[in-house]
Amino acid sequence: MLTASAAAQSGLQCSGTQKAWTVAELLFGRNNVSDKAWDRFLADEVTPRFPDGLTVYDARGQWRNPETKKISRERSKVVMIAMPPAEDNQTRLDAVIEAYKTRFKQQSVGLILRPSCVSF
């Protein structure tokens, strides 16, 4: 859970104006998701939950289906969000993931969380 900052819990020592926050990276496969549909999803689901800012970049990913063992390669989007400590961080991330899986009939969305020192 992200009820407290993972960065603060890790004992991370930030210097100067940097603060101990958590950085989340969400990994979205896009084989059947058009650019227009992606833009709409970002505007409807991600931005309202993380209005303070985020970064989106294109990627190429691969994933192995645990049932069929088939490897699928697809274009992807990565959304990186630097989050200050907040009780609802995990809830907001989970909501974005579930919305994507439901809207685009995806089996999964990757999520990487790491403690970081952040300044803007």
Protein backbone atom coordinates (compact mmCIF):
# COMPACT_ATOMS: atom_id res chain seq x y z
CA MET A 1 0.00 0.00 0.00
CA LEU A 2 1.06 3.57 -0.61
CA THR A 3 -0.43 5.01 2.56
CA ALA A 4 2.98 6.48 3.38
CA SER A 5 5.63 7.38 0.89
CA ALA A 6 7.61 4.35 -0.22
CA ALA A 7 10.57 6.68 -0.50
CA ALA A 8 10.30 7.72 3.12
CA GLN A 9 9.85 4.10 4.26
CA SER A 10 12.96 3.02 2.35
CA GLY A 11 15.16 5.38 4.36
CA LEU A 12 16.03 7.27 1.18
CA GLN A 13 18.06 10.38 1.99
CA CYS A 14 17.11 13.27 -0.28
CA SER A 15 19.20 16.42 -0.40
CA GLY A 16 18.61 20.08 -1.10
CA THR A 17 15.11 20.79 -2.36
CA GLN A 18 14.38 17.16 -3.19
CA LYS A 19 11.59 15.37 -1.38
CA ALA A 20 11.03 11.66 -0.77
CA TRP A 21 8.15 10.69 -3.07
CA THR A 22 7.05 7.59 -4.96
CA VAL A 23 7.38 7.31 -8.73
CA ALA A 24 4.84 5.07 -10.46
CA GLU A 25 5.24 3.78 -13.98
CA LEU A 26 2.17 2.30 -15.63
CA LEU A 27 2.78 0.08 -18.67
CA PHE A 28 -0.07 -0.03 -21.19
CA GLY A 29 -0.12 -2.41 -24.16
CA ARG A 30 -1.78 -0.84 -27.20
CA ASN A 31 -2.21 -3.46 -29.92
CA ASN A 32 -5.90 -2.66 -30.32
CA VAL A 33 -5.94 0.89 -28.98
CA SER A 34 -5.87 3.75 -31.48
CA ASP A 35 -4.10 7.04 -30.81
CA LYS A 36 -7.47 8.78 -30.53
CA ALA A 37 -8.76 6.18 -28.03
CA TRP A 38 -5.54 6.47 -26.02
CA ASP A 39 -5.79 10.27 -25.90
CA ARG A 40 -9.40 10.00 -24.73
CA PHE A 41 -8.45 7.49 -22.02
CA LEU A 42 -5.62 9.71 -20.80
CA ALA A 43 -7.96 12.72 -20.64
CA ASP A 44 -10.89 10.84 -19.07
CA GLU A 45 -9.20 8.48 -16.62
CA VAL A 46 -5.59 9.40 -15.86
CA THR A 47 -5.45 13.21 -15.86
CA PRO A 48 -8.45 13.68 -13.51
CA ARG A 49 -6.85 11.29 -10.99
CA PHE A 50 -3.36 12.83 -11.30
CA PRO A 51 -3.96 16.46 -12.30
CA ASP A 52 -0.66 17.77 -10.91
CA GLY A 53 1.32 16.28 -13.78
CA LEU A 54 2.64 13.17 -15.45
CA THR A 55 4.85 12.10 -18.31
CA VAL A 56 3.81 9.84 -21.19
CA TYR A 57 6.16 8.19 -23.64
CA ASP A 58 5.99 5.60 -26.40
CA ALA A 59 7.57 2.19 -25.91
CA ARG A 60 7.73 -1.27 -27.42
CA GLY A 61 6.85 -4.09 -25.07
CA GLN A 62 6.44 -7.81 -24.93
CA TRP A 63 4.47 -10.04 -22.64
CA ARG A 64 4.08 -13.80 -22.27
CA ASN A 65 0.57 -15.11 -21.75
CA PRO A 66 0.76 -17.37 -18.67
CA GLU A 67 -1.85 -19.76 -20.09
CA THR A 68 -0.76 -20.13 -23.72
CA LYS A 69 2.94 -19.29 -23.15
CA LYS A 70 2.76 -17.22 -26.35
CA ILE A 71 4.88 -14.08 -26.43
CA SER A 72 3.12 -11.00 -27.77
CA ARG A 73 4.99 -7.91 -28.87
CA GLU A 74 3.15 -4.64 -29.09
CA ARG A 75 3.45 -0.90 -29.09
CA SER A 76 2.97 0.50 -25.63
CA LYS A 77 2.64 3.66 -23.61
CA VAL A 78 4.39 4.32 -20.33
CA VAL A 79 2.88 6.83 -17.94
CA MET A 80 5.24 8.06 -15.23
CA ILE A 81 3.78 9.84 -12.22
CA ALA A 82 5.77 11.35 -9.34
CA MET A 83 3.49 11.27 -6.29
CA PRO A 84 3.86 12.92 -2.91
CA PRO A 85 2.69 10.84 0.04
CA ALA A 86 -1.11 10.49 0.00
CA GLU A 87 -3.56 8.01 1.47
CA ASP A 88 -5.31 7.50 -1.87
CA ASN A 89 -2.33 6.96 -4.21
CA GLN A 90 -2.84 3.20 -4.55
CA THR A 91 -6.60 3.61 -4.97
CA ARG A 92 -6.12 6.11 -7.81
CA LEU A 93 -3.55 3.89 -9.55
CA ASP A 94 -5.82 0.85 -9.21
CA ALA A 95 -8.73 2.81 -10.68
CA VAL A 96 -6.67 3.77 -13.75
CA ILE A 97 -5.52 0.17 -14.23
CA GLU A 98 -9.04 -1.26 -13.93
CA ALA A 99 -10.48 1.38 -16.26
CA TYR A 100 -7.92 0.50 -18.96
CA LYS A 101 -8.44 -3.24 -18.59
CA THR A 102 -12.21 -2.82 -18.80
CA ARG A 103 -12.32 -0.26 -21.61
CA PHE A 104 -9.84 -2.04 -23.88
CA LYS A 105 -10.36 -5.65 -22.75
CA GLN A 106 -6.77 -6.03 -21.56
CA GLN A 107 -5.58 -8.84 -19.29
CA SER A 108 -3.13 -6.67 -17.42
CA VAL A 109 -1.44 -3.30 -17.00
CA GLY A 110 2.07 -3.22 -15.58
CA LEU A 111 2.78 -1.13 -12.51
CA ILE A 112 6.25 -0.32 -11.17
CA LEU A 113 6.63 1.67 -7.94
CA ARG A 114 9.93 2.99 -6.70
CA PRO A 115 11.08 5.35 -3.99
CA SER A 116 12.66 8.48 -5.44
CA CYS A 117 14.04 11.86 -4.54
CA VAL A 118 12.03 14.43 -6.50
CA SER A 119 12.28 18.16 -7.10
CA PHE A 120 10.60 20.51 -9.57
